[in-house]
Amino acid sequence: MKGILLLNGEPYEGEIDCADSVVYCCDGAYSWAKNKVRIDKNIGDFDSLGYMPSPPPEEIYPSEKNFTDGEIALFKMLAAGIDDITIYGGGGGREDHFLGNLQLLYAAHARGARARMITKTSVIFPASGKILLDQYVGATFSVLPFGQSVHIMGSEGCKYAYPRAISLGECRGISNIAENSSAFVEIAEGDVALILVNRGKV
């Protein structure tokens, strides 16, 4: 089941296709999304929004709580059986919120869901195993350890070769290029955040 999660970061300016997805909107994201995309559920404490959105939320959470609005929405989506999640509005804004939104991607991935975040300039998704890059020929991409150091089994079709391992605290995976339709990176151990830069149309 597909789902879309709207967050209160940098408003997404492109088109959002929600035809086959359930759409969850977090708090202040409503202000940029309400006339752009169908919203099925509004989630949060609404301290950023300042008024009640439509449709009315099933529950209003306290502003002082242990989970962010994005976490609450993500957990609700997973509990509802949504296992293919696209996040919009997760980039820009406060840096701590952006880094927290990356953790939402990892949380979904760790629970067996497919997840990606689409920002103004990039697509970010957690990955493991063999990552095929055939649809991204010519794109610049970066591979960063996500949660732990990663062991790289191999790669082909990329402008730069990878070391056998990339550790936390290293930037060895920044700015590679997929040069042909056979390009891939294979991760033998660990998870990565793969970031596609200057993505163009998705």
N, C-alpha and C. Protein backbone atom coordinates (compact mmCIF):
# COMPACT_ATOMS: atom_id res chain seq x y z
N MET A 1 0.84 -1.18 0.00
CA MET A 1 0.00 0.00 0.00
C MET A 1 0.89 1.25 0.00
N LYS A 2 0.54 2.23 -0.81
CA LYS A 2 1.35 3.44 -0.93
C LYS A 2 0.82 4.55 -0.04
N GLY A 3 1.76 5.33 0.47
CA GLY A 3 1.39 6.47 1.28
C GLY A 3 2.30 7.65 1.01
N ILE A 4 1.79 8.85 1.26
CA ILE A 4 2.55 10.09 1.14
C ILE A 4 2.52 10.78 2.48
N LEU A 5 3.70 11.22 2.94
CA LEU A 5 3.82 11.92 4.21
C LEU A 5 4.31 13.34 3.93
N LEU A 6 3.53 14.32 4.34
CA LEU A 6 3.84 15.73 4.11
C LEU A 6 4.37 16.34 5.40
N LEU A 7 5.55 16.96 5.33
CA LEU A 7 6.19 17.53 6.52
C LEU A 7 6.34 19.04 6.39
N ASN A 8 6.58 19.67 7.53
CA ASN A 8 6.60 21.13 7.61
C ASN A 8 8.00 21.69 7.43
N GLY A 9 8.71 21.22 6.38
CA GLY A 9 10.00 21.79 6.03
C GLY A 9 9.83 22.70 4.82
N GLU A 10 10.77 22.63 3.90
CA GLU A 10 10.69 23.43 2.69
C GLU A 10 9.50 22.98 1.84
N PRO A 11 8.56 23.87 1.54
CA PRO A 11 7.40 23.46 0.73
C PRO A 11 7.84 22.85 -0.60
N TYR A 12 7.19 21.76 -0.97
CA TYR A 12 7.53 21.12 -2.23
C TYR A 12 6.79 21.82 -3.36
N GLU A 13 7.53 22.24 -4.39
CA GLU A 13 6.94 23.06 -5.46
C GLU A 13 6.47 22.25 -6.66
N GLY A 14 6.92 21.00 -6.78
CA GLY A 14 6.54 20.19 -7.93
C GLY A 14 5.16 19.57 -7.77
N GLU A 15 4.80 18.77 -8.75
CA GLU A 15 3.53 18.05 -8.71
C GLU A 15 3.63 16.87 -7.75
N ILE A 16 2.56 16.57 -7.05
CA ILE A 16 2.49 15.41 -6.16
C ILE A 16 1.34 14.53 -6.64
N ASP A 17 1.67 13.35 -7.12
CA ASP A 17 0.66 12.42 -7.61
C ASP A 17 0.19 11.55 -6.44
N CYS A 18 -1.04 11.77 -6.00
CA CYS A 18 -1.55 11.03 -4.85
C CYS A 18 -2.67 10.07 -5.24
N ALA A 19 -2.82 9.80 -6.53
CA ALA A 19 -3.95 9.01 -7.01
C ALA A 19 -4.04 7.64 -6.35
N ASP A 20 -2.90 6.99 -6.13
CA ASP A 20 -2.91 5.65 -5.56
C ASP A 20 -2.37 5.61 -4.14
N SER A 21 -2.36 6.74 -3.46
CA SER A 21 -1.73 6.82 -2.14
C SER A 21 -2.68 7.40 -1.10
N VAL A 22 -2.45 7.01 0.14
CA VAL A 22 -3.10 7.65 1.28
C VAL A 22 -2.18 8.77 1.74
N VAL A 23 -2.74 9.96 1.97
CA VAL A 23 -1.91 11.14 2.25
C VAL A 23 -2.08 11.57 3.71
N TYR A 24 -0.95 11.56 4.44
CA TYR A 24 -0.89 12.03 5.82
C TYR A 24 -0.16 13.37 5.84
N CYS A 25 -0.73 14.34 6.53
CA CYS A 25 -0.15 15.68 6.57
C CYS A 25 0.16 16.05 8.02
N CYS A 26 1.38 16.50 8.26
CA CYS A 26 1.81 16.84 9.62
C CYS A 26 1.74 18.34 9.87
N ASP A 27 0.91 18.72 10.80
CA ASP A 27 0.87 20.05 11.39
C ASP A 27 1.01 21.16 10.34
N GLY A 28 2.11 21.95 10.42
CA GLY A 28 2.28 23.12 9.57
C GLY A 28 2.41 22.85 8.09
N ALA A 29 2.63 21.59 7.71
CA ALA A 29 2.69 21.27 6.27
C ALA A 29 1.36 21.57 5.60
N TYR A 30 0.30 21.59 6.40
CA TYR A 30 -1.03 21.88 5.85
C TYR A 30 -1.06 23.23 5.13
N SER A 31 -0.30 24.20 5.63
CA SER A 31 -0.34 25.54 5.05
C SER A 31 0.16 25.57 3.61
N TRP A 32 1.14 24.70 3.26
CA TRP A 32 1.62 24.68 1.87
C TRP A 32 0.94 23.61 1.03
N ALA A 33 0.35 22.62 1.68
CA ALA A 33 -0.19 21.47 0.94
C ALA A 33 -1.69 21.51 0.71
N LYS A 34 -2.41 22.32 1.46
CA LYS A 34 -3.89 22.24 1.45
C LYS A 34 -4.51 22.47 0.08
N ASN A 35 -3.93 23.33 -0.74
CA ASN A 35 -4.48 23.58 -2.07
C ASN A 35 -3.70 22.89 -3.17
N LYS A 36 -2.79 22.00 -2.78
CA LYS A 36 -1.90 21.35 -3.73
C LYS A 36 -2.21 19.88 -3.91
N VAL A 37 -2.63 19.23 -2.82
CA VAL A 37 -2.78 17.78 -2.84
C VAL A 37 -3.94 17.38 -1.91
N ARG A 38 -4.62 16.30 -2.26
CA ARG A 38 -5.67 15.76 -1.38
C ARG A 38 -5.05 15.31 -0.07
N ILE A 39 -5.64 15.67 1.05
CA ILE A 39 -5.15 15.26 2.35
C ILE A 39 -6.19 14.35 3.00
N ASP A 40 -5.76 13.15 3.37
CA ASP A 40 -6.68 12.18 3.97
C ASP A 40 -6.66 12.24 5.49
N LYS A 41 -5.48 12.47 6.08
CA LYS A 41 -5.37 12.52 7.55
C LYS A 41 -4.42 13.63 7.95
N ASN A 42 -4.85 14.43 8.91
CA ASN A 42 -3.99 15.45 9.51
C ASN A 42 -3.51 14.96 10.87
N ILE A 43 -2.21 15.05 11.09
CA ILE A 43 -1.58 14.51 12.28
C ILE A 43 -0.78 15.61 12.98
N GLY A 44 -0.84 15.66 14.32
CA GLY A 44 0.08 16.54 15.03
C GLY A 44 -0.53 17.26 16.20
N ASP A 45 0.26 18.22 16.72
CA ASP A 45 -0.20 19.05 17.83
C ASP A 45 -0.73 20.40 17.34
N PHE A 46 -0.40 20.73 16.09
CA PHE A 46 -0.87 21.93 15.40
C PHE A 46 -0.42 23.23 16.07
N ASP A 47 0.73 23.15 16.77
CA ASP A 47 1.30 24.37 17.32
C ASP A 47 1.94 25.23 16.23
N SER A 48 2.39 24.60 15.15
CA SER A 48 2.98 25.36 14.04
C SER A 48 1.90 25.98 13.15
N LEU A 49 0.77 25.31 13.06
CA LEU A 49 -0.28 25.77 12.14
C LEU A 49 -1.11 26.88 12.77
N GLY A 50 -1.53 26.71 14.00
CA GLY A 50 -2.29 27.75 14.70
C GLY A 50 -3.79 27.70 14.48
N TYR A 51 -4.28 26.74 13.68
CA TYR A 51 -5.73 26.58 13.50
C TYR A 51 -5.98 25.13 13.11
N MET A 52 -7.24 24.71 13.13
CA MET A 52 -7.58 23.33 12.83
C MET A 52 -7.71 23.11 11.32
N PRO A 53 -7.04 22.11 10.81
CA PRO A 53 -7.09 21.83 9.37
C PRO A 53 -8.33 21.00 9.01
N SER A 54 -8.48 20.77 7.72
CA SER A 54 -9.55 19.92 7.20
C SER A 54 -8.92 18.84 6.31
N PRO A 55 -9.27 17.56 6.52
CA PRO A 55 -10.25 17.07 7.49
C PRO A 55 -9.75 17.22 8.92
N PRO A 56 -10.67 17.31 9.88
CA PRO A 56 -10.27 17.47 11.28
C PRO A 56 -9.43 16.28 11.75
N PRO A 57 -8.42 16.53 12.57
CA PRO A 57 -7.60 15.42 13.07
C PRO A 57 -8.41 14.52 13.99
N GLU A 58 -8.06 13.22 13.97
CA GLU A 58 -8.72 12.28 14.86
C GLU A 58 -8.29 12.49 16.30
N GLU A 59 -7.09 13.04 16.48
CA GLU A 59 -6.54 13.28 17.81
C GLU A 59 -5.57 14.44 17.72
N ILE A 60 -5.58 15.29 18.75
CA ILE A 60 -4.63 16.39 18.83
C ILE A 60 -3.62 16.04 19.92
N TYR A 61 -2.35 16.01 19.55
CA TYR A 61 -1.31 15.60 20.48
C TYR A 61 -0.78 16.80 21.25
N PRO A 62 -0.27 16.58 22.45
CA PRO A 62 0.33 17.69 23.20
C PRO A 62 1.60 18.17 22.50
N SER A 63 1.90 19.46 22.64
CA SER A 63 3.10 20.00 21.98
C SER A 63 4.37 19.48 22.64
N GLU A 64 4.32 19.16 23.92
CA GLU A 64 5.46 18.57 24.61
C GLU A 64 5.25 17.06 24.67
N LYS A 65 6.00 16.33 23.85
CA LYS A 65 5.82 14.89 23.74
C LYS A 65 7.13 14.24 23.36
N ASN A 66 7.17 12.92 23.41
CA ASN A 66 8.41 12.19 23.16
C ASN A 66 8.68 11.92 21.69
N PHE A 67 7.67 12.12 20.83
CA PHE A 67 7.82 11.84 19.41
C PHE A 67 7.46 13.08 18.61
N THR A 68 8.13 13.26 17.47
CA THR A 68 7.76 14.36 16.58
C THR A 68 6.47 14.01 15.86
N ASP A 69 5.84 15.02 15.29
CA ASP A 69 4.63 14.76 14.51
C ASP A 69 4.92 13.81 13.36
N GLY A 70 6.11 13.96 12.75
CA GLY A 70 6.49 13.07 11.66
C GLY A 70 6.61 11.63 12.10
N GLU A 71 7.18 11.41 13.29
CA GLU A 71 7.28 10.05 13.82
C GLU A 71 5.89 9.45 14.06
N ILE A 72 5.02 10.23 14.68
CA ILE A 72 3.68 9.74 14.96
C ILE A 72 2.98 9.35 13.67
N ALA A 73 3.09 10.22 12.66
CA ALA A 73 2.44 9.92 11.38
C ALA A 73 3.04 8.68 10.73
N LEU A 74 4.37 8.57 10.77
CA LEU A 74 5.02 7.40 10.17
C LEU A 74 4.57 6.11 10.85
N PHE A 75 4.55 6.09 12.18
CA PHE A 75 4.14 4.89 12.90
C PHE A 75 2.70 4.53 12.58
N LYS A 76 1.84 5.54 12.44
CA LYS A 76 0.45 5.28 12.08
C LYS A 76 0.35 4.69 10.67
N MET A 77 1.16 5.19 9.76
CA MET A 77 1.15 4.68 8.39
C MET A 77 1.59 3.21 8.37
N LEU A 78 2.67 2.92 9.07
CA LEU A 78 3.16 1.54 9.11
C LEU A 78 2.14 0.62 9.75
N ALA A 79 1.50 1.08 10.82
CA ALA A 79 0.49 0.27 11.51
C ALA A 79 -0.72 0.01 10.61
N ALA A 80 -0.97 0.93 9.67
CA ALA A 80 -2.10 0.77 8.75
C ALA A 80 -1.75 -0.10 7.55
N GLY A 81 -0.52 -0.61 7.51
CA GLY A 81 -0.11 -1.49 6.42
C GLY A 81 0.48 -0.76 5.23
N ILE A 82 0.77 0.52 5.38
CA ILE A 82 1.40 1.28 4.29
C ILE A 82 2.89 0.95 4.29
N ASP A 83 3.37 0.39 3.20
CA ASP A 83 4.76 -0.08 3.15
C ASP A 83 5.56 0.53 2.01
N ASP A 84 5.02 1.57 1.37
CA ASP A 84 5.72 2.30 0.30
C ASP A 84 5.44 3.78 0.54
N ILE A 85 6.39 4.47 1.15
CA ILE A 85 6.15 5.82 1.67
C ILE A 85 7.04 6.84 0.98
N THR A 86 6.43 7.91 0.48
CA THR A 86 7.17 9.03 -0.10
C THR A 86 6.96 10.25 0.77
N ILE A 87 8.06 10.90 1.15
CA ILE A 87 8.01 12.07 2.02
C ILE A 87 8.29 13.32 1.21
N TYR A 88 7.43 14.33 1.37
CA TYR A 88 7.64 15.65 0.79
C TYR A 88 7.68 16.68 1.92
N GLY A 89 8.43 17.76 1.71
CA GLY A 89 8.52 18.80 2.73
C GLY A 89 9.50 18.46 3.83
N GLY A 90 10.38 17.48 3.59
CA GLY A 90 11.32 17.07 4.63
C GLY A 90 12.65 17.81 4.59
N GLY A 91 12.92 18.54 3.51
CA GLY A 91 14.19 19.25 3.39
C GLY A 91 14.04 20.71 3.78
N GLY A 92 15.16 21.44 3.74
CA GLY A 92 15.13 22.85 4.06
C GLY A 92 14.78 23.09 5.52
N GLY A 93 14.48 24.33 5.85
CA GLY A 93 14.09 24.64 7.21
C GLY A 93 15.21 24.42 8.20
N ARG A 94 14.84 24.04 9.42
CA ARG A 94 15.82 23.82 10.48
C ARG A 94 16.65 22.57 10.20
N GLU A 95 17.96 22.68 10.39
CA GLU A 95 18.86 21.57 10.11
C GLU A 95 18.58 20.38 11.02
N ASP A 96 18.22 20.64 12.29
CA ASP A 96 17.94 19.52 13.20
C ASP A 96 16.71 18.76 12.75
N HIS A 97 15.72 19.48 12.23
CA HIS A 97 14.52 18.81 11.72
C HIS A 97 14.85 17.98 10.48
N PHE A 98 15.69 18.51 9.60
CA PHE A 98 16.08 17.75 8.41
C PHE A 98 16.79 16.46 8.79
N LEU A 99 17.74 16.54 9.72
CA LEU A 99 18.44 15.34 10.16
C LEU A 99 17.48 14.37 10.83
N GLY A 100 16.51 14.90 11.57
CA GLY A 100 15.49 14.04 12.15
C GLY A 100 14.64 13.37 11.09
N ASN A 101 14.35 14.08 10.00
CA ASN A 101 13.55 13.50 8.92
C ASN A 101 14.29 12.37 8.23
N LEU A 102 15.62 12.46 8.17
CA LEU A 102 16.40 11.35 7.64
C LEU A 102 16.21 10.10 8.50
N GLN A 103 16.06 10.31 9.81
CA GLN A 103 15.83 9.18 10.70
C GLN A 103 14.48 8.51 10.43
N LEU A 104 13.52 9.30 9.95
CA LEU A 104 12.22 8.71 9.57
C LEU A 104 12.42 7.71 8.43
N LEU A 105 13.27 8.07 7.47
CA LEU A 105 13.57 7.16 6.36
C LEU A 105 14.16 5.86 6.89
N TYR A 106 15.11 5.99 7.80
CA TYR A 106 15.76 4.80 8.35
C TYR A 106 14.77 3.97 9.16
N ALA A 107 13.90 4.63 9.93
CA ALA A 107 12.91 3.91 10.74
C ALA A 107 11.98 3.09 9.85
N ALA A 108 11.55 3.67 8.72
CA ALA A 108 10.69 2.93 7.80
C ALA A 108 11.45 1.75 7.19
N HIS A 109 12.69 2.00 6.76
CA HIS A 109 13.52 0.97 6.15
C HIS A 109 13.76 -0.19 7.13
N ALA A 110 14.04 0.13 8.38
CA ALA A 110 14.31 -0.89 9.39
C ALA A 110 13.09 -1.75 9.67
N ARG A 111 11.92 -1.23 9.36
CA ARG A 111 10.68 -1.97 9.58
C ARG A 111 10.16 -2.63 8.30
N GLY A 112 11.01 -2.66 7.27
CA GLY A 112 10.68 -3.38 6.06
C GLY A 112 9.90 -2.61 5.02
N ALA A 113 9.73 -1.31 5.22
CA ALA A 113 8.99 -0.49 4.25
C ALA A 113 9.95 0.16 3.26
N ARG A 114 9.45 0.44 2.08
CA ARG A 114 10.21 1.22 1.09
C ARG A 114 9.92 2.68 1.36
N ALA A 115 10.97 3.50 1.45
CA ALA A 115 10.77 4.91 1.77
C ALA A 115 11.73 5.77 0.99
N ARG A 116 11.29 6.97 0.64
CA ARG A 116 12.16 7.94 -0.01
C ARG A 116 11.68 9.33 0.33
N MET A 117 12.59 10.28 0.32
CA MET A 117 12.25 11.68 0.55
C MET A 117 12.60 12.46 -0.71
N ILE A 118 11.64 13.21 -1.21
CA ILE A 118 11.86 14.02 -2.41
C ILE A 118 11.90 15.48 -1.99
N THR A 119 13.04 16.13 -2.26
CA THR A 119 13.19 17.54 -1.93
C THR A 119 13.29 18.34 -3.22
N LYS A 120 13.56 19.61 -3.09
CA LYS A 120 13.67 20.49 -4.25
C LYS A 120 14.77 20.05 -5.20
N THR A 121 15.86 19.49 -4.65
CA THR A 121 17.02 19.16 -5.48
C THR A 121 17.42 17.70 -5.47
N SER A 122 16.85 16.90 -4.58
CA SER A 122 17.37 15.53 -4.40
C SER A 122 16.26 14.53 -4.12
N VAL A 123 16.62 13.26 -4.34
CA VAL A 123 15.84 12.14 -3.84
C VAL A 123 16.75 11.40 -2.87
N ILE A 124 16.26 11.13 -1.68
CA ILE A 124 17.06 10.46 -0.66
C ILE A 124 16.32 9.20 -0.24
N PHE A 125 17.03 8.07 -0.25
CA PHE A 125 16.39 6.85 0.24
C PHE A 125 17.39 5.93 0.92
N PRO A 126 16.94 5.21 1.93
CA PRO A 126 17.81 4.23 2.57
C PRO A 126 17.86 2.98 1.71
N ALA A 127 18.99 2.30 1.71
CA ALA A 127 19.14 1.11 0.87
C ALA A 127 20.15 0.16 1.46
N SER A 128 20.07 -1.07 1.04
CA SER A 128 21.05 -2.09 1.39
C SER A 128 21.08 -3.09 0.25
N GLY A 129 22.04 -4.01 0.28
CA GLY A 129 22.15 -5.00 -0.79
C GLY A 129 22.61 -4.36 -2.08
N LYS A 130 22.13 -4.88 -3.20
CA LYS A 130 22.54 -4.39 -4.52
C LYS A 130 21.62 -3.25 -4.95
N ILE A 131 22.20 -2.08 -5.18
CA ILE A 131 21.44 -0.89 -5.55
C ILE A 131 21.64 -0.64 -7.04
N LEU A 132 20.61 -0.86 -7.84
CA LEU A 132 20.70 -0.66 -9.29
C LEU A 132 20.48 0.81 -9.62
N LEU A 133 21.31 1.34 -10.49
CA LEU A 133 21.26 2.76 -10.83
C LEU A 133 20.89 2.99 -12.29
N ASP A 134 20.29 1.99 -12.93
CA ASP A 134 20.02 2.07 -14.36
C ASP A 134 19.12 3.23 -14.74
N GLN A 135 18.19 3.62 -13.86
CA GLN A 135 17.28 4.72 -14.21
C GLN A 135 17.88 6.10 -13.91
N TYR A 136 19.12 6.12 -13.40
CA TYR A 136 19.74 7.38 -13.02
C TYR A 136 21.03 7.65 -13.78
N VAL A 137 21.13 7.16 -15.02
CA VAL A 137 22.34 7.38 -15.82
C VAL A 137 22.59 8.88 -15.97
N GLY A 138 23.81 9.29 -15.70
CA GLY A 138 24.18 10.69 -15.79
C GLY A 138 23.95 11.47 -14.51
N ALA A 139 23.26 10.85 -13.54
CA ALA A 139 22.97 11.56 -12.30
C ALA A 139 24.14 11.52 -11.34
N THR A 140 24.29 12.59 -10.59
CA THR A 140 25.25 12.61 -9.49
C THR A 140 24.57 12.00 -8.28
N PHE A 141 25.29 11.12 -7.58
CA PHE A 141 24.71 10.52 -6.38
C PHE A 141 25.78 10.35 -5.32
N SER A 142 25.33 10.27 -4.08
CA SER A 142 26.23 10.05 -2.96
C SER A 142 25.73 8.88 -2.13
N VAL A 143 26.66 8.13 -1.58
CA VAL A 143 26.36 6.98 -0.72
C VAL A 143 26.98 7.25 0.64
N LEU A 144 26.15 7.32 1.67
CA LEU A 144 26.63 7.64 3.01
C LEU A 144 26.20 6.55 3.99
N PRO A 145 27.07 6.18 4.92
CA PRO A 145 26.68 5.19 5.93
C PRO A 145 25.46 5.67 6.70
N PHE A 146 24.55 4.76 6.98
CA PHE A 146 23.32 5.10 7.68
C PHE A 146 23.23 4.23 8.94
N GLY A 147 23.69 4.77 10.05
CA GLY A 147 23.57 4.06 11.31
C GLY A 147 24.80 3.27 11.70
N GLN A 148 25.61 2.85 10.73
CA GLN A 148 26.81 2.09 11.03
C GLN A 148 27.72 2.12 9.81
N SER A 149 28.96 1.70 9.99
CA SER A 149 29.88 1.60 8.86
C SER A 149 29.36 0.55 7.88
N VAL A 150 29.70 0.72 6.60
CA VAL A 150 29.21 -0.21 5.59
C VAL A 150 30.38 -0.90 4.89
N HIS A 151 30.17 -2.15 4.53
CA HIS A 151 31.14 -2.90 3.73
C HIS A 151 30.61 -2.95 2.31
N ILE A 152 31.40 -2.52 1.36
CA ILE A 152 30.98 -2.47 -0.03
C ILE A 152 31.55 -3.68 -0.78
N MET A 153 30.67 -4.50 -1.30
CA MET A 153 31.07 -5.69 -2.03
C MET A 153 31.68 -5.32 -3.39
N GLY A 154 31.08 -4.33 -4.05
CA GLY A 154 31.59 -3.92 -5.34
C GLY A 154 30.69 -2.89 -6.00
N SER A 155 31.14 -2.36 -7.12
CA SER A 155 30.34 -1.42 -7.89
C SER A 155 30.83 -1.44 -9.33
N GLU A 156 29.93 -1.09 -10.24
CA GLU A 156 30.27 -0.99 -11.66
C GLU A 156 29.51 0.16 -12.27
N GLY A 157 30.03 0.68 -13.38
CA GLY A 157 29.34 1.71 -14.13
C GLY A 157 29.34 3.07 -13.45
N CYS A 158 30.18 3.24 -12.43
CA CYS A 158 30.27 4.51 -11.71
C CYS A 158 31.58 5.19 -12.07
N LYS A 159 31.59 6.50 -12.05
CA LYS A 159 32.79 7.24 -12.42
C LYS A 159 33.95 6.95 -11.46
N TYR A 160 33.64 6.82 -10.18
CA TYR A 160 34.68 6.60 -9.18
C TYR A 160 34.46 5.26 -8.49
N ALA A 161 35.56 4.55 -8.23
CA ALA A 161 35.49 3.29 -7.50
C ALA A 161 35.32 3.58 -6.02
N TYR A 162 34.67 2.64 -5.33
CA TYR A 162 34.48 2.79 -3.89
C TYR A 162 35.52 2.00 -3.12
N PRO A 163 35.87 2.46 -1.92
CA PRO A 163 36.71 1.64 -1.05
C PRO A 163 35.90 0.44 -0.57
N ARG A 164 36.56 -0.51 0.05
CA ARG A 164 35.85 -1.69 0.54
C ARG A 164 34.94 -1.37 1.72
N ALA A 165 35.19 -0.26 2.38
CA ALA A 165 34.35 0.12 3.51
C ALA A 165 34.28 1.64 3.60
N ILE A 166 33.14 2.14 4.05
CA ILE A 166 32.99 3.55 4.39
C ILE A 166 32.51 3.59 5.83
N SER A 167 33.28 4.25 6.67
CA SER A 167 32.98 4.30 8.10
C SER A 167 32.20 5.55 8.45
N LEU A 168 31.52 5.52 9.58
CA LEU A 168 30.88 6.72 10.10
C LEU A 168 31.96 7.78 10.30
N GLY A 169 31.67 9.00 9.91
CA GLY A 169 32.66 10.07 10.02
C GLY A 169 33.48 10.26 8.77
N GLU A 170 33.27 9.43 7.74
CA GLU A 170 33.98 9.57 6.47
C GLU A 170 33.04 10.08 5.38
N CYS A 171 33.62 10.80 4.43
CA CYS A 171 32.85 11.35 3.31
C CYS A 171 33.26 10.73 1.99
N ARG A 172 33.78 9.52 2.01
CA ARG A 172 34.30 8.88 0.80
C ARG A 172 33.23 8.61 -0.24
N GLY A 173 31.97 8.61 0.16
CA GLY A 173 30.90 8.27 -0.78
C GLY A 173 30.24 9.46 -1.45
N ILE A 174 30.77 10.65 -1.25
CA ILE A 174 30.15 11.86 -1.79
C ILE A 174 30.46 12.03 -3.28
N SER A 175 29.44 12.40 -4.04
CA SER A 175 29.56 12.86 -5.43
C SER A 175 30.19 11.85 -6.39
N ASN A 176 29.46 10.79 -6.67
CA ASN A 176 29.81 9.87 -7.74
C ASN A 176 28.84 10.12 -8.89
N ILE A 177 29.06 9.46 -10.02
CA ILE A 177 28.18 9.62 -11.19
C ILE A 177 27.88 8.25 -11.78
N ALA A 178 26.60 7.98 -12.02
CA ALA A 178 26.21 6.75 -12.70
C ALA A 178 26.45 6.96 -14.19
N GLU A 179 27.38 6.21 -14.77
CA GLU A 179 27.80 6.48 -16.15
C GLU A 179 27.06 5.66 -17.19
N ASN A 180 26.47 4.55 -16.82
CA ASN A 180 25.74 3.75 -17.81
C ASN A 180 24.61 2.98 -17.15
N SER A 181 23.82 2.30 -17.97
CA SER A 181 22.62 1.63 -17.49
C SER A 181 22.91 0.37 -16.69
N SER A 182 24.17 -0.06 -16.65
CA SER A 182 24.55 -1.22 -15.85
C SER A 182 25.10 -0.83 -14.48
N ALA A 183 25.06 0.44 -14.17
CA ALA A 183 25.66 0.93 -12.93
C ALA A 183 24.95 0.37 -11.70
N PHE A 184 25.75 0.01 -10.71
CA PHE A 184 25.20 -0.44 -9.44
C PHE A 184 26.24 -0.28 -8.35
N VAL A 185 25.75 -0.28 -7.13
CA VAL A 185 26.60 -0.37 -5.94
C VAL A 185 26.03 -1.49 -5.10
N GLU A 186 26.89 -2.39 -4.64
CA GLU A 186 26.41 -3.51 -3.84
C GLU A 186 26.96 -3.42 -2.43
N ILE A 187 26.05 -3.34 -1.48
CA ILE A 187 26.41 -3.22 -0.07
C ILE A 187 26.32 -4.60 0.56
N ALA A 188 27.43 -5.08 1.09
CA ALA A 188 27.46 -6.42 1.69
C ALA A 188 27.00 -6.39 3.14
N GLU A 189 27.24 -5.28 3.81
CA GLU A 189 26.89 -5.20 5.23
C GLU A 189 26.59 -3.75 5.58
N GLY A 190 25.50 -3.54 6.29
CA GLY A 190 25.12 -2.20 6.70
C GLY A 190 24.09 -1.59 5.76
N ASP A 191 23.62 -0.40 6.11
CA ASP A 191 22.63 0.34 5.33
C ASP A 191 23.23 1.68 4.93
N VAL A 192 22.76 2.22 3.81
CA VAL A 192 23.25 3.52 3.35
C VAL A 192 22.08 4.46 3.07
N ALA A 193 22.38 5.74 3.13
CA ALA A 193 21.48 6.75 2.58
C ALA A 193 22.02 7.08 1.20
N LEU A 194 21.23 6.82 0.17
CA LEU A 194 21.64 7.14 -1.19
C LEU A 194 20.93 8.43 -1.59
N ILE A 195 21.71 9.41 -1.98
CA ILE A 195 21.18 10.73 -2.30
C ILE A 195 21.42 11.02 -3.78
N LEU A 196 20.36 11.21 -4.52
CA LEU A 196 20.45 11.57 -5.94
C LEU A 196 20.31 13.07 -6.04
N VAL A 197 21.33 13.72 -6.60
CA VAL A 197 21.41 15.18 -6.62
C VAL A 197 21.02 15.69 -8.00
N ASN A 198 20.42 16.90 -8.03
CA ASN A 198 19.99 17.50 -9.31
C ASN A 198 19.19 16.46 -10.09
N ARG A 199 18.17 15.96 -9.45
CA ARG A 199 17.48 14.76 -9.91
C ARG A 199 16.68 14.96 -11.18
N GLY A 200 16.26 16.21 -11.46
CA GLY A 200 15.35 16.39 -12.59
C GLY A 200 14.01 15.77 -12.28
N LYS A 201 13.39 15.18 -13.27
CA LYS A 201 12.05 14.62 -13.08
C LYS A 201 12.13 13.23 -12.47
N VAL A 202 11.28 12.97 -11.49
CA VAL A 202 11.24 11.66 -10.84
C VAL A 202 10.03 10.89 -11.34
